Protein backbone atom coordinates (compact mmCIF):
# COMPACT_ATOMS: atom_id res chain seq x y z
CA UNK A 1 -20.85 10.63 121.43
CA UNK A 2 -19.10 10.99 118.09
CA UNK A 3 -20.55 11.49 114.65
CA UNK A 4 -21.38 8.13 112.94
CA UNK A 5 -19.59 7.18 109.74
CA UNK A 6 -20.25 4.46 107.20
CA UNK A 7 -18.27 1.30 107.79
CA UNK A 8 -17.31 1.11 104.11
CA UNK A 9 -17.05 3.89 101.58
CA UNK A 10 -18.67 1.89 98.77
CA UNK A 11 -22.02 0.22 98.31
CA UNK A 12 -21.42 -3.49 97.88
CA UNK A 13 -23.61 -5.28 95.32
CA UNK A 14 -24.62 -8.23 97.56
CA UNK A 15 -25.22 -10.23 94.37
CA UNK A 16 -23.06 -11.79 91.65
CA UNK A 17 -22.23 -14.86 89.56
CA UNK A 18 -18.90 -16.70 89.80
CA UNK A 19 -18.10 -18.20 86.42
CA UNK A 20 -16.26 -21.50 85.84
CA UNK A 21 -16.44 -22.59 89.47
CA UNK A 22 -16.77 -26.24 88.44
CA UNK A 23 -15.66 -27.78 85.14
CA UNK A 24 -17.87 -29.96 82.95
CA UNK A 25 -16.16 -33.10 84.32
CA UNK A 26 -16.56 -31.92 87.91
CA UNK A 27 -20.27 -31.22 87.38
CA UNK A 28 -20.68 -34.76 86.02
CA UNK A 29 -18.94 -36.06 89.15
CA UNK A 30 -21.41 -34.07 91.30
CA UNK A 31 -24.38 -35.34 89.28
CA UNK A 32 -23.18 -38.91 89.82
CA UNK A 33 -23.76 -38.36 93.55
CA UNK A 34 -27.47 -38.23 92.75
CA UNK A 35 -27.39 -42.03 92.44
CA UNK A 36 -26.07 -42.32 96.00
CA UNK A 37 -28.50 -39.88 97.64
CA UNK A 38 -31.95 -40.35 99.12
CA UNK A 39 -34.33 -37.54 98.23
CA UNK A 40 -37.34 -36.18 100.09
CA UNK A 41 -39.73 -33.29 99.54
CA UNK A 42 -38.21 -29.91 100.36
CA UNK A 43 -39.62 -28.19 103.43
CA UNK A 44 -40.24 -24.52 104.08
CA UNK A 45 -38.29 -23.14 107.06
CA UNK A 46 -36.68 -25.63 109.41
CA UNK A 47 -36.47 -29.37 108.74
CA UNK A 48 -39.08 -30.01 111.43
CA UNK A 49 -41.79 -28.16 109.50
CA UNK A 50 -44.23 -29.97 107.27
CA UNK A 51 -44.11 -30.11 103.49
CA UNK A 52 -46.00 -27.19 101.92
CA UNK A 53 -46.23 -27.68 98.16
CA UNK A 54 -48.11 -24.38 97.80
CA UNK A 55 -44.84 -22.60 98.68
CA UNK A 56 -42.27 -25.17 97.61
CA UNK A 57 -42.29 -28.25 95.42
CA UNK A 58 -38.83 -29.75 95.00
CA UNK A 59 -36.86 -32.86 95.88
CA UNK A 60 -33.83 -32.43 98.12
CA UNK A 61 -31.01 -34.36 99.72
CA UNK A 62 -28.05 -33.16 101.77
CA UNK A 63 -24.30 -33.53 101.38
CA UNK A 64 -21.97 -33.71 104.35
CA UNK A 65 -18.18 -33.70 103.98
CA UNK A 66 -16.99 -37.27 103.30
CA UNK A 67 -14.73 -39.12 100.85
CA UNK A 68 -17.14 -38.35 97.97
CA UNK A 69 -17.93 -34.72 98.75
CA UNK A 70 -15.04 -33.11 100.66
CA UNK A 71 -13.58 -31.74 97.43
CA UNK A 72 -16.81 -29.78 96.82
CA UNK A 73 -16.65 -28.15 100.26
CA UNK A 74 -12.93 -27.41 99.71
CA UNK A 75 -13.63 -25.74 96.35
CA UNK A 76 -16.35 -23.57 97.89
CA UNK A 77 -14.04 -22.71 100.81
CA UNK A 78 -11.53 -21.37 98.26
CA UNK A 79 -14.09 -19.30 96.33
CA UNK A 80 -16.24 -17.88 99.15
CA UNK A 81 -13.61 -15.62 100.79
CA UNK A 82 -12.88 -13.96 97.45
CA UNK A 83 -16.57 -13.50 96.69
CA UNK A 84 -17.16 -12.21 100.22
CA UNK A 85 -14.44 -9.58 99.75
CA UNK A 86 -15.85 -8.41 96.41
CA UNK A 87 -19.58 -8.52 97.19
CA UNK A 88 -20.33 -8.61 100.91
CA UNK A 89 -17.52 -8.01 103.46
CA UNK A 90 -19.34 -10.13 106.02
CA UNK A 91 -17.80 -11.74 109.08
CA UNK A 92 -18.16 -15.40 108.02
CA UNK A 93 -17.01 -18.69 109.51
CA UNK A 94 -18.64 -21.86 108.19
CA UNK A 95 -20.45 -23.49 105.25
CA UNK A 96 -23.59 -25.36 106.27
CA UNK A 97 -24.48 -28.78 104.94
CA UNK A 98 -25.00 -28.52 101.17
CA UNK A 99 -28.46 -29.16 99.75
CA UNK A 100 -28.72 -31.04 96.46
CA UNK A 101 -31.97 -29.77 94.92
CA UNK A 102 -33.86 -31.21 91.98
CA UNK A 103 -36.78 -29.53 90.20
CA UNK A 104 -38.73 -31.41 87.52
CA UNK A 105 -41.69 -30.22 85.46
CA UNK A 106 -44.06 -27.88 87.36
CA UNK A 107 -41.82 -27.82 90.46
CA UNK A 108 -40.69 -24.52 91.98
CA UNK A 109 -39.85 -22.64 95.19
CA UNK A 110 -41.88 -19.47 95.74
CA UNK A 111 -40.57 -16.23 97.30
CA UNK A 112 -38.60 -16.71 100.53
CA UNK A 113 -35.48 -15.64 102.38
CA UNK A 114 -32.76 -17.93 103.72
CA UNK A 115 -31.98 -16.05 106.92
CA UNK A 116 -34.01 -17.20 109.91
CA UNK A 117 -33.61 -18.52 113.48
CA UNK A 118 -33.16 -15.06 114.97
CA UNK A 119 -32.53 -16.52 118.44
CA UNK A 120 -29.26 -18.21 117.45
CA UNK A 121 -25.76 -16.73 117.84
CA UNK A 122 -24.97 -17.49 114.18
CA UNK A 123 -26.93 -16.55 111.09
CA UNK A 124 -26.91 -17.25 107.38
CA UNK A 125 -25.23 -14.31 105.66
CA UNK A 126 -24.45 -15.51 102.14
CA UNK A 127 -26.47 -17.90 99.97
CA UNK A 128 -25.07 -19.70 96.94
CA UNK A 129 -26.52 -21.79 94.13
CA UNK A 130 -24.29 -24.01 91.97
CA UNK A 131 -26.05 -24.72 88.67
CA UNK A 132 -25.59 -28.33 87.48
CA UNK A 133 -27.41 -28.30 84.15
CA UNK A 134 -26.92 -26.53 80.85
CA UNK A 135 -29.57 -23.76 80.68
CA UNK A 136 -30.73 -25.12 77.30
CA UNK A 137 -31.54 -28.51 78.85
CA UNK A 138 -34.54 -27.22 80.79
CA UNK A 139 -37.17 -24.51 80.40
CA UNK A 140 -38.23 -22.15 83.19
CA UNK A 141 -36.48 -22.66 86.51
CA UNK A 142 -34.80 -19.25 86.53
CA UNK A 143 -33.41 -17.90 89.80
CA UNK A 144 -35.03 -14.56 90.61
CA UNK A 145 -33.56 -12.35 93.35
CA UNK A 146 -34.82 -9.02 94.65
CA UNK A 147 -31.52 -7.21 95.14
CA UNK A 148 -32.72 -3.64 95.57
CA UNK A 149 -36.03 -3.92 97.43
CA UNK A 150 -38.08 -3.59 94.26
CA UNK A 151 -39.78 -6.71 92.82
CA UNK A 152 -40.25 -4.82 89.54
CA UNK A 153 -36.45 -4.61 89.09
CA UNK A 154 -35.42 -8.06 90.30
CA UNK A 155 -32.46 -9.99 88.90
CA UNK A 156 -33.61 -12.97 86.82
CA UNK A 157 -30.79 -15.32 85.86
CA UNK A 158 -30.21 -18.76 84.39
CA UNK A 159 -26.45 -19.32 84.75
CA UNK A 160 -24.32 -21.76 82.80
CA UNK A 161 -23.51 -25.22 84.11
CA UNK A 162 -20.82 -24.99 86.81
CA UNK A 163 -21.45 -21.34 87.68
CA UNK A 164 -22.44 -20.12 91.15
CA UNK A 165 -24.97 -17.37 91.93
CA UNK A 166 -24.23 -15.59 95.22
CA UNK A 167 -26.61 -13.27 97.08
CA UNK A 168 -27.26 -11.99 100.58
CA UNK A 169 -29.31 -14.55 102.54
CA UNK A 170 -31.84 -11.89 103.59
CA UNK A 171 -32.75 -11.06 99.98
CA UNK A 172 -36.12 -12.41 98.80
CA UNK A 173 -35.65 -14.93 96.00
CA UNK A 174 -37.39 -17.78 94.24
CA UNK A 175 -36.87 -20.63 91.77
CA UNK A 176 -39.42 -20.08 89.00
CA UNK A 177 -41.43 -23.14 87.91
CA UNK A 178 -39.66 -25.57 85.60
CA UNK A 179 -41.83 -26.04 82.52
CA UNK A 180 -39.71 -28.71 80.78
CA UNK A 181 -36.77 -30.90 81.73
CA UNK A 182 -34.91 -31.04 85.06
CA UNK A 183 -33.03 -28.32 86.92
CA UNK A 184 -30.43 -29.53 89.43
CA UNK A 185 -28.40 -27.39 91.80
CA UNK A 186 -26.31 -27.39 94.93
CA UNK A 187 -27.57 -24.82 97.43
CA UNK A 188 -25.37 -23.72 100.30
CA UNK A 189 -25.37 -21.11 103.03
CA UNK A 190 -22.44 -19.37 104.69
CA UNK A 191 -22.83 -18.51 108.35
CA UNK A 192 -21.20 -15.97 110.61
CA UNK A 193 -21.77 -14.53 114.06
CA UNK A 194 -24.97 -12.54 114.35
CA UNK A 195 -24.42 -8.78 114.37
CA UNK A 196 -26.09 -7.20 117.38
């Protein structure tokens, strides 16, 4: 048996914000989709689980690639490989269905991780949140991510409209309660083959 070496000679950040992913006009086009969508209460874990407003209170709908949304998936498919190279170096293959999430006053999503279903051959490796509102248009609603294992030194961000926050799907994170206004976002997950 040989002596083990690190796969990479740098520590990758596993967290970052991609600026100017979507223009003002493109964000308005995404927000228009809200009129075409049917929303339901967000669930914790798989879609078959019941609503648990103690852990999560938000309204969600899902986008699949079609004539109205394919351009969004295509844009993400252009950005994700570059982000993956800079931040993660994961073996990735597919973007899941995109979740359109809406938080109004007093709504939130408490601490959780996005990676689950350990019995499947594929797993969520990268999570992304596209912010659809100007940060001055709502109060609270910050994204908080524990990037280094220490809740006392978590990353707390409130990106600009059209920016995307990326983080490893196994990192604990939450959407802090919205105290005024509405916070809208597209949430997506990038899957790859499970390692080991």
